[in-house]
Amino acid sequence: MSGHSTYETLRHLADSWGLLAMMGIFAALSLWPFRPGAKRHSDEAARSIFKDETDGR
């Protein structure tokens, strides 16, 4: 047996690869609104609060 417990092995994995995964997810979610196709959706969401429930019927 190597002397390392399962807990220590999983903690090491979470400390290294878990941090990289969280950084990647954060970067992707931070940049998502700035993608080329997002302008139309952002403008539509910004105007939606002024839209009346009977508009478009």
N, C-alpha and C. Protein backbone atom coordinates (compact mmCIF):
# COMPACT_ATOMS: atom_id res chain seq x y z
N MET A 1 0.85 -1.18 0.00
CA MET A 1 0.00 0.00 0.00
C MET A 1 0.89 1.24 0.00
N SER A 2 0.46 2.29 -0.61
CA SER A 2 1.31 3.46 -0.82
C SER A 2 1.38 4.39 0.38
N GLY A 3 0.53 4.26 1.35
CA GLY A 3 0.57 5.14 2.50
C GLY A 3 -0.37 6.33 2.39
N HIS A 4 -0.86 6.59 1.20
CA HIS A 4 -1.81 7.69 1.02
C HIS A 4 -3.22 7.13 1.09
N SER A 5 -4.06 7.83 1.81
CA SER A 5 -5.45 7.39 1.90
C SER A 5 -6.23 7.88 0.68
N THR A 6 -7.40 7.33 0.51
CA THR A 6 -8.27 7.74 -0.58
C THR A 6 -8.63 9.22 -0.44
N TYR A 7 -8.82 9.66 0.80
CA TYR A 7 -9.15 11.07 1.05
C TYR A 7 -8.04 11.98 0.56
N GLU A 8 -6.79 11.65 0.87
CA GLU A 8 -5.67 12.48 0.45
C GLU A 8 -5.53 12.51 -1.06
N THR A 9 -5.77 11.39 -1.69
CA THR A 9 -5.69 11.32 -3.15
C THR A 9 -6.78 12.18 -3.79
N LEU A 10 -8.00 12.07 -3.30
CA LEU A 10 -9.10 12.88 -3.84
C LEU A 10 -8.91 14.36 -3.54
N ARG A 11 -8.37 14.67 -2.38
CA ARG A 11 -8.13 16.08 -2.05
C ARG A 11 -7.07 16.68 -2.97
N HIS A 12 -6.02 15.93 -3.24
CA HIS A 12 -4.99 16.41 -4.17
C HIS A 12 -5.58 16.63 -5.56
N LEU A 13 -6.41 15.71 -6.01
CA LEU A 13 -7.06 15.85 -7.31
C LEU A 13 -7.95 17.10 -7.34
N ALA A 14 -8.72 17.33 -6.29
CA ALA A 14 -9.61 18.48 -6.23
C ALA A 14 -8.81 19.78 -6.15
N ASP A 15 -7.69 19.76 -5.42
CA ASP A 15 -6.87 20.96 -5.28
C ASP A 15 -6.24 21.38 -6.60
N SER A 16 -5.87 20.43 -7.42
CA SER A 16 -5.19 20.78 -8.67
C SER A 16 -6.16 20.86 -9.84
N TRP A 17 -6.74 19.75 -10.24
CA TRP A 17 -7.60 19.74 -11.41
C TRP A 17 -8.95 20.40 -11.15
N GLY A 18 -9.43 20.32 -9.92
CA GLY A 18 -10.69 20.98 -9.58
C GLY A 18 -10.58 22.49 -9.73
N LEU A 19 -9.45 23.04 -9.30
CA LEU A 19 -9.23 24.48 -9.43
C LEU A 19 -9.17 24.88 -10.90
N LEU A 20 -8.48 24.10 -11.70
CA LEU A 20 -8.41 24.41 -13.14
C LEU A 20 -9.79 24.32 -13.80
N ALA A 21 -10.57 23.33 -13.40
CA ALA A 21 -11.92 23.20 -13.96
C ALA A 21 -12.79 24.39 -13.57
N MET A 22 -12.72 24.80 -12.31
CA MET A 22 -13.51 25.96 -11.87
C MET A 22 -13.08 27.23 -12.57
N MET A 23 -11.78 27.40 -12.79
CA MET A 23 -11.30 28.58 -13.51
C MET A 23 -11.79 28.58 -14.95
N GLY A 24 -11.80 27.41 -15.59
CA GLY A 24 -12.31 27.31 -16.96
C GLY A 24 -13.78 27.62 -17.05
N ILE A 25 -14.56 27.10 -16.11
CA ILE A 25 -16.00 27.38 -16.09
C ILE A 25 -16.25 28.86 -15.85
N PHE A 26 -15.51 29.47 -14.92
CA PHE A 26 -15.66 30.90 -14.65
C PHE A 26 -15.35 31.73 -15.89
N ALA A 27 -14.26 31.39 -16.58
CA ALA A 27 -13.89 32.14 -17.79
C ALA A 27 -14.96 31.99 -18.87
N ALA A 28 -15.47 30.78 -19.05
CA ALA A 28 -16.49 30.56 -20.08
C ALA A 28 -17.76 31.33 -19.77
N LEU A 29 -18.20 31.30 -18.51
CA LEU A 29 -19.43 32.01 -18.15
C LEU A 29 -19.23 33.53 -18.16
N SER A 30 -18.03 33.99 -17.88
CA SER A 30 -17.76 35.43 -17.91
C SER A 30 -17.73 35.96 -19.35
N LEU A 31 -17.26 35.15 -20.27
CA LEU A 31 -17.16 35.60 -21.66
C LEU A 31 -18.41 35.31 -22.48
N TRP A 32 -19.32 34.49 -21.97
CA TRP A 32 -20.53 34.09 -22.70
C TRP A 32 -21.36 35.28 -23.20
N PRO A 33 -21.59 36.33 -22.41
CA PRO A 33 -22.40 37.45 -22.91
C PRO A 33 -21.73 38.25 -24.03
N PHE A 34 -20.44 38.08 -24.22
CA PHE A 34 -19.72 38.87 -25.22
C PHE A 34 -19.52 38.13 -26.54
N ARG A 35 -20.15 36.98 -26.69
CA ARG A 35 -20.02 36.23 -27.95
C ARG A 35 -20.78 36.99 -29.05
N PRO A 36 -20.44 36.75 -30.30
CA PRO A 36 -21.04 37.53 -31.40
C PRO A 36 -22.56 37.44 -31.48
N GLY A 37 -23.17 36.33 -31.22
CA GLY A 37 -24.61 36.19 -31.36
C GLY A 37 -25.42 36.66 -30.17
N ALA A 38 -24.79 37.19 -29.15
CA ALA A 38 -25.49 37.53 -27.92
C ALA A 38 -26.14 38.91 -27.95
N LYS A 39 -25.74 39.76 -28.88
CA LYS A 39 -26.28 41.13 -28.89
C LYS A 39 -27.79 41.14 -29.08
N ARG A 40 -28.30 40.32 -29.97
CA ARG A 40 -29.74 40.29 -30.22
C ARG A 40 -30.48 39.84 -28.97
N HIS A 41 -29.98 38.82 -28.31
CA HIS A 41 -30.63 38.31 -27.10
C HIS A 41 -30.56 39.34 -25.96
N SER A 42 -29.43 40.02 -25.85
CA SER A 42 -29.28 41.03 -24.80
C SER A 42 -30.22 42.21 -25.02
N ASP A 43 -30.32 42.65 -26.27
CA ASP A 43 -31.23 43.76 -26.58
C ASP A 43 -32.68 43.36 -26.33
N GLU A 44 -33.03 42.14 -26.70
CA GLU A 44 -34.40 41.66 -26.48
C GLU A 44 -34.72 41.58 -24.98
N ALA A 45 -33.78 41.13 -24.19
CA ALA A 45 -33.99 41.03 -22.74
C ALA A 45 -34.09 42.43 -22.12
N ALA A 46 -33.32 43.38 -22.63
CA ALA A 46 -33.36 44.74 -22.10
C ALA A 46 -34.70 45.41 -22.39
N ARG A 47 -35.30 45.12 -23.54
CA ARG A 47 -36.59 45.72 -23.91
C ARG A 47 -37.79 44.96 -23.36
N SER A 48 -37.59 43.76 -22.88
CA SER A 48 -38.72 42.92 -22.47
C SER A 48 -39.48 43.49 -21.27
N ILE A 49 -38.81 44.27 -20.43
CA ILE A 49 -39.51 44.81 -19.26
C ILE A 49 -40.50 45.90 -19.66
N PHE A 50 -40.34 46.48 -20.85
CA PHE A 50 -41.23 47.53 -21.31
C PHE A 50 -42.37 46.98 -22.17
N LYS A 51 -42.31 45.69 -22.47
CA LYS A 51 -43.30 45.08 -23.35
C LYS A 51 -44.58 44.79 -22.55
N ASP A 52 -45.69 45.17 -23.11
CA ASP A 52 -46.99 44.92 -22.49
C ASP A 52 -47.39 43.48 -22.76
N GLU A 53 -48.19 42.92 -21.87
CA GLU A 53 -48.61 41.52 -22.03
C GLU A 53 -49.42 41.30 -23.30
N THR A 54 -50.09 42.33 -23.80
CA THR A 54 -50.94 42.16 -24.99
C THR A 54 -50.19 42.47 -26.27
N ASP A 55 -48.93 42.90 -26.21
CA ASP A 55 -48.17 43.18 -27.42
C ASP A 55 -47.90 41.89 -28.18
N GLY A 56 -47.95 41.96 -29.46
CA GLY A 56 -47.62 40.82 -30.31
C GLY A 56 -48.75 39.83 -30.50
N ARG A 57 -49.93 40.13 -30.06
CA ARG A 57 -51.04 39.21 -30.27
C ARG A 57 -51.86 39.61 -31.46
